[in-house]
Amino acid sequence: MKRLATGSINEHLAVGGNVAYPGYVIKGGSRNLMIEAGLNLLGPLYLQSLGEILGSPERLDYLFVTHSHYDHLGAVPFLKRAIPGLALGAHERVAGLMRKESVLGLMNRLSEVQRPLFGDIAGDEDLAIGPVEFGLNLRDGDVIDLGGLTCRVYEVPGHTKDSLAFYIPELGTLFSGEAAGVPQGPEGMEPQVCFLTSYDDYLASLEKIIAIAPKVLCTGHGWILTDEDANAFLRDSLEATSAYRALIERHLQEADGDTELAIETIARAEYDEKGTIYQERNAYITNLTAQVRHIASLGG
């Protein structure tokens, strides 16, 4: 089964924010955890959702993010200001990036592109992405006790060097960020391949996630997949990854190794003409550029 990432999923899991940028809230017996706080412009909406789900935003104990992209941690500084006692967790690399003015500047520029879509939510709030300290450097094998539920941490690089996945074994539920691809298309079952920093690491991480065999897959954008749909999506994502590399290599060959021309032709064919990728175009081009240059560097 598949469903949009919104509303109450079960007694322990609910989704706040916007379906395109979900914030997953896990209610444990003694502690509560939110995974992802995507777009900074949605900060007030995440805060409102926490009040509705938990009774009060102050009841949120932990906020973890899957990786260092602006659309997965953009609202973290806002939420930390609103909930001072909130413990923030991410890969140790994220903490360093969130101190760099150049990184924060790029995040804010990318975020502002979406203000026409979410300006009514943002209002006049100061939602700029600024420096924030992540007190918990999460590593592979870490286990966080939520009271009756546990959150296990898996390092799953490839999309980024700092990608993490989080698994709640008692619920059979895995939060993959973009390490397993993103569901696209009208039925939400076409994997968009998301390796950016390492094709080989991305494949290995996908195989690691498949081995977990989650009953519920909460993706980074848009969809929650369960049972056979979750398994089918993960298998399809693995196959799509090798097929996507072949597509990039073909375009590079046809462009005589000109990466910029290959990027242009892929974007036209895969994004503009097909119209089944719902990612914002500037972000898509940024990611595509990283993918094409990476595959070109492999000499394939």
C-alpha atoms as a PDB file:
ATOM      1  CA  MET A   1       0.000   0.000   0.000  1.00  0.00           C
ATOM      2  CA  LYS A   2       1.089   3.584  -0.517  1.00  0.00           C
ATOM      3  CA  ARG A   3      -0.272   6.791   0.928  1.00  0.00           C
ATOM      4  CA  LEU A   4       0.625  10.441   0.968  1.00  0.00           C
ATOM      5  CA  ALA A   5       2.934  11.520   3.789  1.00  0.00           C
ATOM      6  CA  THR A   6       0.378  13.429   5.789  1.00  0.00           C
ATOM      7  CA  GLY A   7      -1.848  13.061   8.848  1.00  0.00           C
ATOM      8  CA  SER A   8      -1.901  10.328  11.483  1.00  0.00           C
ATOM      9  CA  ILE A   9      -0.393   7.005  10.386  1.00  0.00           C
ATOM     10  CA  ASN A  10      -0.888   5.010  13.597  1.00  0.00           C
ATOM     11  CA  GLU A  11      -0.858   5.607  17.353  1.00  0.00           C
ATOM     12  CA  HIS A  12       2.904   6.134  17.343  1.00  0.00           C
ATOM     13  CA  LEU A  13       3.489   7.941  14.049  1.00  0.00           C
ATOM     14  CA  ALA A  14       2.090  11.133  12.545  1.00  0.00           C
ATOM     15  CA  VAL A  15       3.250  13.550   9.872  1.00  0.00           C
ATOM     16  CA  GLY A  16       3.504  17.313  10.201  1.00  0.00           C
ATOM     17  CA  GLY A  17       4.395  20.070   7.797  1.00  0.00           C
ATOM     18  CA  ASN A  18       3.683  19.756   4.097  1.00  0.00           C
ATOM     19  CA  VAL A  19       3.359  16.517   2.122  1.00  0.00           C
ATOM     20  CA  ALA A  20       6.291  17.543  -0.094  1.00  0.00           C
ATOM     21  CA  TYR A  21       8.454  18.254   2.982  1.00  0.00           C
ATOM     22  CA  PRO A  22       7.133  15.966   5.717  1.00  0.00           C
ATOM     23  CA  GLY A  23       8.232  16.078   9.319  1.00  0.00           C
ATOM     24  CA  TYR A  24       7.733  12.614  10.805  1.00  0.00           C
ATOM     25  CA  VAL A  25       6.800  12.591  14.498  1.00  0.00           C
ATOM     26  CA  ILE A  26       7.342   9.371  16.493  1.00  0.00           C
ATOM     27  CA  LYS A  27       5.596   9.216  19.865  1.00  0.00           C
ATOM     28  CA  GLY A  28       7.434   7.002  22.335  1.00  0.00           C
ATOM     29  CA  GLY A  29       6.444   6.030  25.840  1.00  0.00           C
ATOM     30  CA  SER A  30       8.779   8.568  27.445  1.00  0.00           C
ATOM     31  CA  ARG A  31      10.295  10.638  24.631  1.00  0.00           C
ATOM     32  CA  ASN A  32       9.170  12.035  21.290  1.00  0.00           C
ATOM     33  CA  LEU A  33      11.241  12.320  18.141  1.00  0.00           C
ATOM     34  CA  MET A  34      10.774  14.265  14.920  1.00  0.00           C
ATOM     35  CA  ILE A  35      12.667  13.188  11.795  1.00  0.00           C
ATOM     36  CA  GLU A  36      13.248  15.937   9.203  1.00  0.00           C
ATOM     37  CA  ALA A  37      12.332  19.617   9.389  1.00  0.00           C
ATOM     38  CA  GLY A  38      12.582  20.416   5.724  1.00  0.00           C
ATOM     39  CA  LEU A  39      11.900  23.771   4.182  1.00  0.00           C
ATOM     40  CA  ASN A  40      12.639  26.802   6.376  1.00  0.00           C
ATOM     41  CA  LEU A  41       9.548  28.590   5.040  1.00  0.00           C
ATOM     42  CA  LEU A  42       7.423  25.868   6.632  1.00  0.00           C
ATOM     43  CA  GLY A  43       8.815  26.457  10.132  1.00  0.00           C
ATOM     44  CA  PRO A  44       5.556  27.857  11.555  1.00  0.00           C
ATOM     45  CA  LEU A  45       3.614  24.959  10.041  1.00  0.00           C
ATOM     46  CA  TYR A  46       5.931  22.366  11.643  1.00  0.00           C
ATOM     47  CA  LEU A  47       5.502  24.125  14.979  1.00  0.00           C
ATOM     48  CA  GLN A  48       1.725  24.127  14.609  1.00  0.00           C
ATOM     49  CA  SER A  49       1.767  20.446  13.651  1.00  0.00           C
ATOM     50  CA  LEU A  50       3.792  19.576  16.755  1.00  0.00           C
ATOM     51  CA  GLY A  51       1.183  21.252  18.917  1.00  0.00           C
ATOM     52  CA  GLU A  52      -1.586  19.298  17.247  1.00  0.00           C
ATOM     53  CA  ILE A  53       0.233  15.948  17.371  1.00  0.00           C
ATOM     54  CA  LEU A  54       1.852  16.172  20.822  1.00  0.00           C
ATOM     55  CA  GLY A  55      -0.417  18.644  22.594  1.00  0.00           C
ATOM     56  CA  SER A  56       2.452  21.103  22.890  1.00  0.00           C
ATOM     57  CA  PRO A  57       5.621  21.667  20.813  1.00  0.00           C
ATOM     58  CA  GLU A  58       7.644  21.599  24.062  1.00  0.00           C
ATOM     59  CA  ARG A  59       6.904  17.872  24.329  1.00  0.00           C
ATOM     60  CA  LEU A  60       9.268  17.202  21.436  1.00  0.00           C
ATOM     61  CA  ASP A  61      12.540  15.847  22.830  1.00  0.00           C
ATOM     62  CA  TYR A  62      14.605  15.061  19.732  1.00  0.00           C
ATOM     63  CA  LEU A  63      14.858  16.390  16.187  1.00  0.00           C
ATOM     64  CA  PHE A  64      16.997  14.331  13.786  1.00  0.00           C
ATOM     65  CA  VAL A  65      17.740  15.072  10.145  1.00  0.00           C
ATOM     66  CA  THR A  66      18.736  12.591   7.457  1.00  0.00           C
ATOM     67  CA  HIS A  67      21.260  14.825   5.687  1.00  0.00           C
ATOM     68  CA  SER A  68      22.565  18.325   5.117  1.00  0.00           C
ATOM     69  CA  HIS A  69      20.319  19.608   2.316  1.00  0.00           C
ATOM     70  CA  TYR A  70      18.288  22.778   2.823  1.00  0.00           C
ATOM     71  CA  ASP A  71      14.985  20.988   2.223  1.00  0.00           C
ATOM     72  CA  HIS A  72      15.617  18.496   5.048  1.00  0.00           C
ATOM     73  CA  LEU A  73      16.950  20.754   7.813  1.00  0.00           C
ATOM     74  CA  GLY A  74      15.820  24.236   6.790  1.00  0.00           C
ATOM     75  CA  ALA A  75      13.443  24.754   9.716  1.00  0.00           C
ATOM     76  CA  VAL A  76      15.824  23.374  12.347  1.00  0.00           C
ATOM     77  CA  PRO A  77      17.133  26.798  13.512  1.00  0.00           C
ATOM     78  CA  PHE A  78      13.578  28.162  13.806  1.00  0.00           C
ATOM     79  CA  LEU A  79      12.368  25.147  15.787  1.00  0.00           C
ATOM     80  CA  LYS A  80      15.397  25.239  18.080  1.00  0.00           C
ATOM     81  CA  ARG A  81      14.612  28.863  18.913  1.00  0.00           C
ATOM     82  CA  ALA A  82      10.971  27.968  19.564  1.00  0.00           C
ATOM     83  CA  ILE A  83      11.852  24.875  21.638  1.00  0.00           C
ATOM     84  CA  PRO A  84      15.136  25.696  23.435  1.00  0.00           C
ATOM     85  CA  GLY A  85      15.402  22.304  25.150  1.00  0.00           C
ATOM     86  CA  LEU A  86      15.202  20.398  21.873  1.00  0.00           C
ATOM     87  CA  ALA A  87      18.101  17.971  21.262  1.00  0.00           C
ATOM     88  CA  LEU A  88      19.322  18.073  17.654  1.00  0.00           C
ATOM     89  CA  GLY A  89      20.923  15.067  15.981  1.00  0.00           C
ATOM     90  CA  ALA A  90      22.634  14.468  12.647  1.00  0.00           C
ATOM     91  CA  HIS A  91      25.804  13.071  11.112  1.00  0.00           C
ATOM     92  CA  GLU A  92      28.842  14.855  12.550  1.00  0.00           C
ATOM     93  CA  ARG A  93      29.579  16.477   9.167  1.00  0.00           C
ATOM     94  CA  VAL A  94      26.307  18.424   9.337  1.00  0.00           C
ATOM     95  CA  ALA A  95      27.398  20.362  12.411  1.00  0.00           C
ATOM     96  CA  GLY A  96      30.423  21.749  10.560  1.00  0.00           C
ATOM     97  CA  LEU A  97      28.437  22.698   7.460  1.00  0.00           C
ATOM     98  CA  MET A  98      25.895  24.602   9.555  1.00  0.00           C
ATOM     99  CA  ARG A  99      28.665  26.974  10.692  1.00  0.00           C
ATOM    100  CA  LYS A 100      29.770  27.955   7.177  1.00  0.00           C
ATOM    101  CA  GLU A 101      28.405  31.241   5.834  1.00  0.00           C
ATOM    102  CA  SER A 102      28.793  30.088   2.213  1.00  0.00           C
ATOM    103  CA  VAL A 103      26.717  26.956   2.867  1.00  0.00           C
ATOM    104  CA  LEU A 104      24.028  28.847   4.755  1.00  0.00           C
ATOM    105  CA  GLY A 105      23.881  31.464   2.017  1.00  0.00           C
ATOM    106  CA  LEU A 106      23.307  28.835  -0.662  1.00  0.00           C
ATOM    107  CA  MET A 107      20.618  27.159   1.447  1.00  0.00           C
ATOM    108  CA  ASN A 108      18.776  30.441   1.862  1.00  0.00           C
ATOM    109  CA  ARG A 109      18.969  31.269  -1.845  1.00  0.00           C
ATOM    110  CA  LEU A 110      17.561  27.877  -2.794  1.00  0.00           C
ATOM    111  CA  SER A 111      14.818  28.222  -0.195  1.00  0.00           C
ATOM    112  CA  GLU A 112      13.742  31.658  -1.408  1.00  0.00           C
ATOM    113  CA  VAL A 113      12.946  30.241  -4.840  1.00  0.00           C
ATOM    114  CA  GLN A 114       9.951  28.557  -3.200  1.00  0.00           C
ATOM    115  CA  ARG A 115       8.599  31.615  -1.391  1.00  0.00           C
ATOM    116  CA  PRO A 116       5.834  32.100  -4.007  1.00  0.00           C
ATOM    117  CA  LEU A 117       4.521  28.663  -2.977  1.00  0.00           C
ATOM    118  CA  PHE A 118       4.790  29.020   0.793  1.00  0.00           C
ATOM    119  CA  GLY A 119       4.918  32.748   1.489  1.00  0.00           C
ATOM    120  CA  ASP A 120       1.502  32.670   3.131  1.00  0.00           C
ATOM    121  CA  ILE A 121       2.838  30.207   5.717  1.00  0.00           C
ATOM    122  CA  ALA A 122       6.120  32.020   6.276  1.00  0.00           C
ATOM    123  CA  GLY A 123       4.502  35.421   6.749  1.00  0.00           C
ATOM    124  CA  ASP A 124       6.831  37.980   8.340  1.00  0.00           C
ATOM    125  CA  GLU A 125       8.670  35.460  10.556  1.00  0.00           C
ATOM    126  CA  ASP A 126      12.477  35.436  10.515  1.00  0.00           C
ATOM    127  CA  LEU A 127      12.962  32.023   8.954  1.00  0.00           C
ATOM    128  CA  ALA A 128      16.451  32.473   7.522  1.00  0.00           C
ATOM    129  CA  ILE A 129      18.656  29.415   7.918  1.00  0.00           C
ATOM    130  CA  GLY A 130      21.408  30.408  10.330  1.00  0.00           C
ATOM    131  CA  PRO A 131      24.058  28.679  12.435  1.00  0.00           C
ATOM    132  CA  VAL A 132      22.752  26.036  14.813  1.00  0.00           C
ATOM    133  CA  GLU A 133      24.538  23.511  16.997  1.00  0.00           C
ATOM    134  CA  PHE A 134      23.774  19.808  16.657  1.00  0.00           C
ATOM    135  CA  GLY A 135      24.482  18.371  20.081  1.00  0.00           C
ATOM    136  CA  LEU A 136      24.189  14.731  19.006  1.00  0.00           C
ATOM    137  CA  ASN A 137      26.654  13.427  16.423  1.00  0.00           C
ATOM    138  CA  LEU A 138      24.861  10.304  15.246  1.00  0.00           C
ATOM    139  CA  ARG A 139      26.770   7.293  13.942  1.00  0.00           C
ATOM    140  CA  ASP A 140      26.016   3.904  12.477  1.00  0.00           C
ATOM    141  CA  GLY A 141      24.833   1.573  15.226  1.00  0.00           C
ATOM    142  CA  ASP A 142      23.597   4.262  17.610  1.00  0.00           C
ATOM    143  CA  VAL A 143      20.337   3.394  19.392  1.00  0.00           C
ATOM    144  CA  ILE A 144      18.097   6.030  20.989  1.00  0.00           C
ATOM    145  CA  ASP A 145      15.563   4.898  23.583  1.00  0.00           C
ATOM    146  CA  LEU A 146      12.150   6.550  23.243  1.00  0.00           C
ATOM    147  CA  GLY A 147      10.406   4.404  25.837  1.00  0.00           C
ATOM    148  CA  GLY A 148       8.924   1.242  24.362  1.00  0.00           C
ATOM    149  CA  LEU A 149      10.341   2.258  20.996  1.00  0.00           C
ATOM    150  CA  THR A 150      13.933   2.563  19.854  1.00  0.00           C
ATOM    151  CA  CYS A 151      15.487   4.485  16.990  1.00  0.00           C
ATOM    152  CA  ARG A 152      18.424   2.789  15.290  1.00  0.00           C
ATOM    153  CA  VAL A 153      20.837   4.839  13.194  1.00  0.00           C
ATOM    154  CA  TYR A 154      22.283   3.678   9.869  1.00  0.00           C
ATOM    155  CA  GLU A 155      24.893   5.515   7.839  1.00  0.00           C
ATOM    156  CA  VAL A 156      23.798   5.436   4.191  1.00  0.00           C
ATOM    157  CA  PRO A 157      26.121   7.689   2.144  1.00  0.00           C
ATOM    158  CA  GLY A 158      25.857   8.257  -1.584  1.00  0.00           C
ATOM    159  CA  HIS A 159      23.163  10.878  -1.865  1.00  0.00           C
ATOM    160  CA  THR A 160      25.360  12.967   0.416  1.00  0.00           C
ATOM    161  CA  LYS A 161      28.407  12.033   2.465  1.00  0.00           C
ATOM    162  CA  ASP A 162      26.378  12.621   5.634  1.00  0.00           C
ATOM    163  CA  SER A 163      23.193  10.698   4.823  1.00  0.00           C
ATOM    164  CA  LEU A 164      21.571   8.750   7.657  1.00  0.00           C
ATOM    165  CA  ALA A 165      18.534   6.492   7.801  1.00  0.00           C
ATOM    166  CA  PHE A 166      16.536   5.884  10.965  1.00  0.00           C
ATOM    167  CA  TYR A 167      14.729   2.637  11.792  1.00  0.00           C
ATOM    168  CA  ILE A 168      12.117   1.967  14.470  1.00  0.00           C
ATOM    169  CA  PRO A 169      12.196  -1.854  14.707  1.00  0.00           C
ATOM    170  CA  GLU A 170       9.135  -2.099  16.963  1.00  0.00           C
ATOM    171  CA  LEU A 171       7.127  -0.435  14.163  1.00  0.00           C
ATOM    172  CA  GLY A 172       9.066  -1.950  11.264  1.00  0.00           C
ATOM    173  CA  THR A 173       9.374   1.620   9.985  1.00  0.00           C
ATOM    174  CA  LEU A 174      12.355   3.124   8.198  1.00  0.00           C
ATOM    175  CA  PHE A 175      12.950   6.800   7.405  1.00  0.00           C
ATOM    176  CA  SER A 176      15.229   6.863   4.391  1.00  0.00           C
ATOM    177  CA  GLY A 177      15.627  10.531   3.481  1.00  0.00           C
ATOM    178  CA  GLU A 178      16.798  10.349  -0.123  1.00  0.00           C
ATOM    179  CA  ALA A 179      19.199   7.437   0.344  1.00  0.00           C
ATOM    180  CA  ALA A 180      16.755   5.072  -1.395  1.00  0.00           C
ATOM    181  CA  GLY A 181      15.572   7.521  -4.040  1.00  0.00           C
ATOM    182  CA  VAL A 182      12.394   9.573  -4.137  1.00  0.00           C
ATOM    183  CA  PRO A 183       9.028   8.314  -5.439  1.00  0.00           C
ATOM    184  CA  GLN A 184       7.909  10.269  -8.483  1.00  0.00           C
ATOM    185  CA  GLY A 185       5.276  10.019 -11.197  1.00  0.00           C
ATOM    186  CA  PRO A 186       1.489  10.136 -10.929  1.00  0.00           C
ATOM    187  CA  GLU A 187       1.339   6.860  -8.985  1.00  0.00           C
ATOM    188  CA  GLY A 188       4.278   7.646  -6.722  1.00  0.00           C
ATOM    189  CA  MET A 189       6.121   4.445  -7.601  1.00  0.00           C
ATOM    190  CA  GLU A 190       8.761   5.610 -10.093  1.00  0.00           C
ATOM    191  CA  PRO A 191      12.123   5.990  -8.293  1.00  0.00           C
ATOM    192  CA  GLN A 192      14.028   9.197  -8.906  1.00  0.00           C
ATOM    193  CA  VAL A 193      17.679   8.205  -8.512  1.00  0.00           C
ATOM    194  CA  CYS A 194      19.418  10.474  -5.999  1.00  0.00           C
ATOM    195  CA  PHE A 195      23.133   9.653  -5.860  1.00  0.00           C
ATOM    196  CA  LEU A 196      25.152  12.873  -5.753  1.00  0.00           C
ATOM    197  CA  THR A 197      28.483  12.201  -4.058  1.00  0.00           C
ATOM    198  CA  SER A 198      29.141   8.537  -4.852  1.00  0.00           C
ATOM    199  CA  TYR A 199      27.427   6.108  -7.183  1.00  0.00           C
ATOM    200  CA  ASP A 200      29.064   3.087  -5.516  1.00  0.00           C
ATOM    201  CA  ASP A 201      28.199   4.241  -1.997  1.00  0.00           C
ATOM    202  CA  TYR A 202      24.617   4.914  -3.083  1.00  0.00           C
ATOM    203  CA  LEU A 203      24.250   1.366  -4.406  1.00  0.00           C
ATOM    204  CA  ALA A 204      25.766  -0.087  -1.230  1.00  0.00           C
ATOM    205  CA  SER A 205      23.437   2.009   0.925  1.00  0.00           C
ATOM    206  CA  LEU A 206      20.411   0.872  -1.073  1.00  0.00           C
ATOM    207  CA  GLU A 207      21.424  -2.743  -0.540  1.00  0.00           C
ATOM    208  CA  LYS A 208      21.856  -2.016   3.188  1.00  0.00           C
ATOM    209  CA  ILE A 209      18.326  -0.586   3.354  1.00  0.00           C
ATOM    210  CA  ILE A 210      16.872  -3.509   1.381  1.00  0.00           C
ATOM    211  CA  ALA A 211      18.484  -5.908   3.869  1.00  0.00           C
ATOM    212  CA  ILE A 212      16.620  -4.199   6.725  1.00  0.00           C
ATOM    213  CA  ALA A 213      13.373  -5.221   4.959  1.00  0.00           C
ATOM    214  CA  PRO A 214      11.197  -2.444   6.419  1.00  0.00           C
ATOM    215  CA  LYS A 215       7.456  -2.980   6.554  1.00  0.00           C
ATOM    216  CA  VAL A 216       6.935   0.767   6.283  1.00  0.00           C
ATOM    217  CA  LEU A 217       9.140   3.099   4.224  1.00  0.00           C
ATOM    218  CA  CYS A 218       8.762   6.797   5.006  1.00  0.00           C
ATOM    219  CA  THR A 219      10.446   8.636   2.162  1.00  0.00           C
ATOM    220  CA  GLY A 220      11.991  12.073   2.197  1.00  0.00           C
ATOM    221  CA  HIS A 221       9.294  13.598   0.018  1.00  0.00           C
ATOM    222  CA  GLY A 222       5.687  12.843  -0.662  1.00  0.00           C
ATOM    223  CA  TRP A 223       4.982   9.205   0.093  1.00  0.00           C
ATOM    224  CA  ILE A 224       4.808   6.442   2.673  1.00  0.00           C
ATOM    225  CA  LEU A 225       5.012   2.915   1.275  1.00  0.00           C
ATOM    226  CA  THR A 226       4.091  -0.254   3.151  1.00  0.00           C
ATOM    227  CA  ASP A 227       4.618  -4.005   2.838  1.00  0.00           C
ATOM    228  CA  GLU A 228       5.055  -5.180  -0.767  1.00  0.00           C
ATOM    229  CA  ASP A 229       4.913  -1.644  -2.168  1.00  0.00           C
ATOM    230  CA  ALA A 230       7.861  -0.728   0.061  1.00  0.00           C
ATOM    231  CA  ASN A 231       9.824  -3.785  -1.040  1.00  0.00           C
ATOM    232  CA  ALA A 232       8.940  -3.265  -4.703  1.00  0.00           C
ATOM    233  CA  PHE A 233       9.998   0.380  -4.610  1.00  0.00           C
ATOM    234  CA  LEU A 234      13.368  -0.488  -3.063  1.00  0.00           C
ATOM    235  CA  ARG A 235      14.029  -3.207  -5.643  1.00  0.00           C
ATOM    236  CA  ASP A 236      12.963  -0.900  -8.469  1.00  0.00           C
ATOM    237  CA  SER A 237      15.173   1.855  -7.079  1.00  0.00           C
ATOM    238  CA  LEU A 238      18.188  -0.461  -7.174  1.00  0.00           C
ATOM    239  CA  GLU A 239      17.497  -1.345 -10.821  1.00  0.00           C
ATOM    240  CA  ALA A 240      16.779   2.272 -11.724  1.00  0.00           C
ATOM    241  CA  THR A 241      20.139   3.360 -10.321  1.00  0.00           C
ATOM    242  CA  SER A 242      22.192   1.272 -12.738  1.00  0.00           C
ATOM    243  CA  ALA A 243      19.855   2.209 -15.600  1.00  0.00           C
ATOM    244  CA  TYR A 244      20.254   5.898 -14.767  1.00  0.00           C
ATOM    245  CA  ARG A 245      24.036   5.620 -14.823  1.00  0.00           C
ATOM    246  CA  ALA A 246      23.782   4.047 -18.277  1.00  0.00           C
ATOM    247  CA  LEU A 247      21.537   6.918 -19.411  1.00  0.00           C
ATOM    248  CA  ILE A 248      24.047   9.516 -18.205  1.00  0.00           C
ATOM    249  CA  GLU A 249      26.917   7.670 -19.870  1.00  0.00           C
ATOM    250  CA  ARG A 250      24.977   7.538 -23.158  1.00  0.00           C
ATOM    251  CA  HIS A 251      24.305  11.280 -23.073  1.00  0.00           C
ATOM    252  CA  LEU A 252      27.954  11.973 -22.241  1.00  0.00           C
ATOM    253  CA  GLN A 253      29.057   9.827 -25.161  1.00  0.00           C
ATOM    254  CA  GLU A 254      26.623  11.570 -27.537  1.00  0.00           C
ATOM    255  CA  ALA A 255      27.907  14.933 -26.264  1.00  0.00           C
ATOM    256  CA  ASP A 256      31.552  13.868 -26.821  1.00  0.00           C
ATOM    257  CA  GLY A 257      32.214  14.255 -23.104  1.00  0.00           C
ATOM    258  CA  ASP A 258      30.773  17.775 -22.858  1.00  0.00           C
ATOM    259  CA  THR A 259      29.179  17.655 -19.409  1.00  0.00           C
ATOM    260  CA  GLU A 260      27.235  20.901 -19.818  1.00  0.00           C
ATOM    261  CA  LEU A 261      25.654  19.707 -23.062  1.00  0.00           C
ATOM    262  CA  ALA A 262      24.824  16.345 -21.476  1.00  0.00           C
ATOM    263  CA  ILE A 263      23.169  18.108 -18.521  1.00  0.00           C
ATOM    264  CA  GLU A 264      21.121  20.256 -20.906  1.00  0.00           C
ATOM    265  CA  THR A 265      19.885  17.331 -22.984  1.00  0.00           C
ATOM    266  CA  ILE A 266      19.083  15.145 -19.966  1.00  0.00           C
ATOM    267  CA  ALA A 267      17.132  17.953 -18.285  1.00  0.00           C
ATOM    268  CA  ARG A 268      15.143  18.588 -21.438  1.00  0.00           C
ATOM    269  CA  ALA A 269      14.297  14.916 -21.969  1.00  0.00           C
ATOM    270  CA  GLU A 270      13.830  13.752 -18.373  1.00  0.00           C
ATOM    271  CA  TYR A 271      12.421  16.856 -16.675  1.00  0.00           C
ATOM    272  CA  ASP A 272      10.845  19.164 -19.243  1.00  0.00           C
ATOM    273  CA  GLU A 273       9.394  16.653 -21.699  1.00  0.00           C
ATOM    274  CA  LYS A 274       8.372  13.816 -19.362  1.00  0.00           C
ATOM    275  CA  GLY A 275       6.999  16.108 -16.669  1.00  0.00           C
ATOM    276  CA  THR A 276       6.958  13.360 -14.027  1.00  0.00           C
ATOM    277  CA  ILE A 277       9.644  14.788 -11.704  1.00  0.00           C
ATOM    278  CA  TYR A 278       8.049  17.134  -9.195  1.00  0.00           C
ATOM    279  CA  GLN A 279      11.233  18.481  -7.643  1.00  0.00           C
ATOM    280  CA  GLU A 280      11.710  22.238  -8.076  1.00  0.00           C
ATOM    281  CA  ARG A 281      13.657  22.756 -11.331  1.00  0.00           C
ATOM    282  CA  ASN A 282      16.603  24.729  -9.919  1.00  0.00           C
ATOM    283  CA  ALA A 283      17.192  22.066  -7.284  1.00  0.00           C
ATOM    284  CA  TYR A 284      16.832  19.361  -9.957  1.00  0.00           C
ATOM    285  CA  ILE A 285      19.478  21.023 -12.152  1.00  0.00           C
ATOM    286  CA  THR A 286      21.827  21.405  -9.184  1.00  0.00           C
ATOM    287  CA  ASN A 287      21.525  17.696  -8.397  1.00  0.00           C
ATOM    288  CA  LEU A 288      21.722  16.622 -12.047  1.00  0.00           C
ATOM    289  CA  THR A 289      24.912  18.619 -12.484  1.00  0.00           C
ATOM    290  CA  ALA A 290      26.514  16.795  -9.555  1.00  0.00           C
ATOM    291  CA  GLN A 291      25.389  13.428 -10.937  1.00  0.00           C
ATOM    292  CA  VAL A 292      26.668  13.984 -14.467  1.00  0.00           C
ATOM    293  CA  ARG A 293      30.013  15.347 -13.301  1.00  0.00           C
ATOM    294  CA  HIS A 294      30.413  12.425 -10.901  1.00  0.00           C
ATOM    295  CA  ILE A 295      29.718   9.789 -13.547  1.00  0.00           C
ATOM    296  CA  ALA A 296      32.035  11.628 -15.960  1.00  0.00           C
ATOM    297  CA  SER A 297      34.776  11.495 -13.324  1.00  0.00           C
ATOM    298  CA  LEU A 298      34.467   7.703 -13.147  1.00  0.00           C
ATOM    299  CA  GLY A 299      35.560   7.462 -16.748  1.00  0.00           C
ATOM    300  CA  GLY A 300      32.653   5.193 -17.609  1.00  0.00           C
END
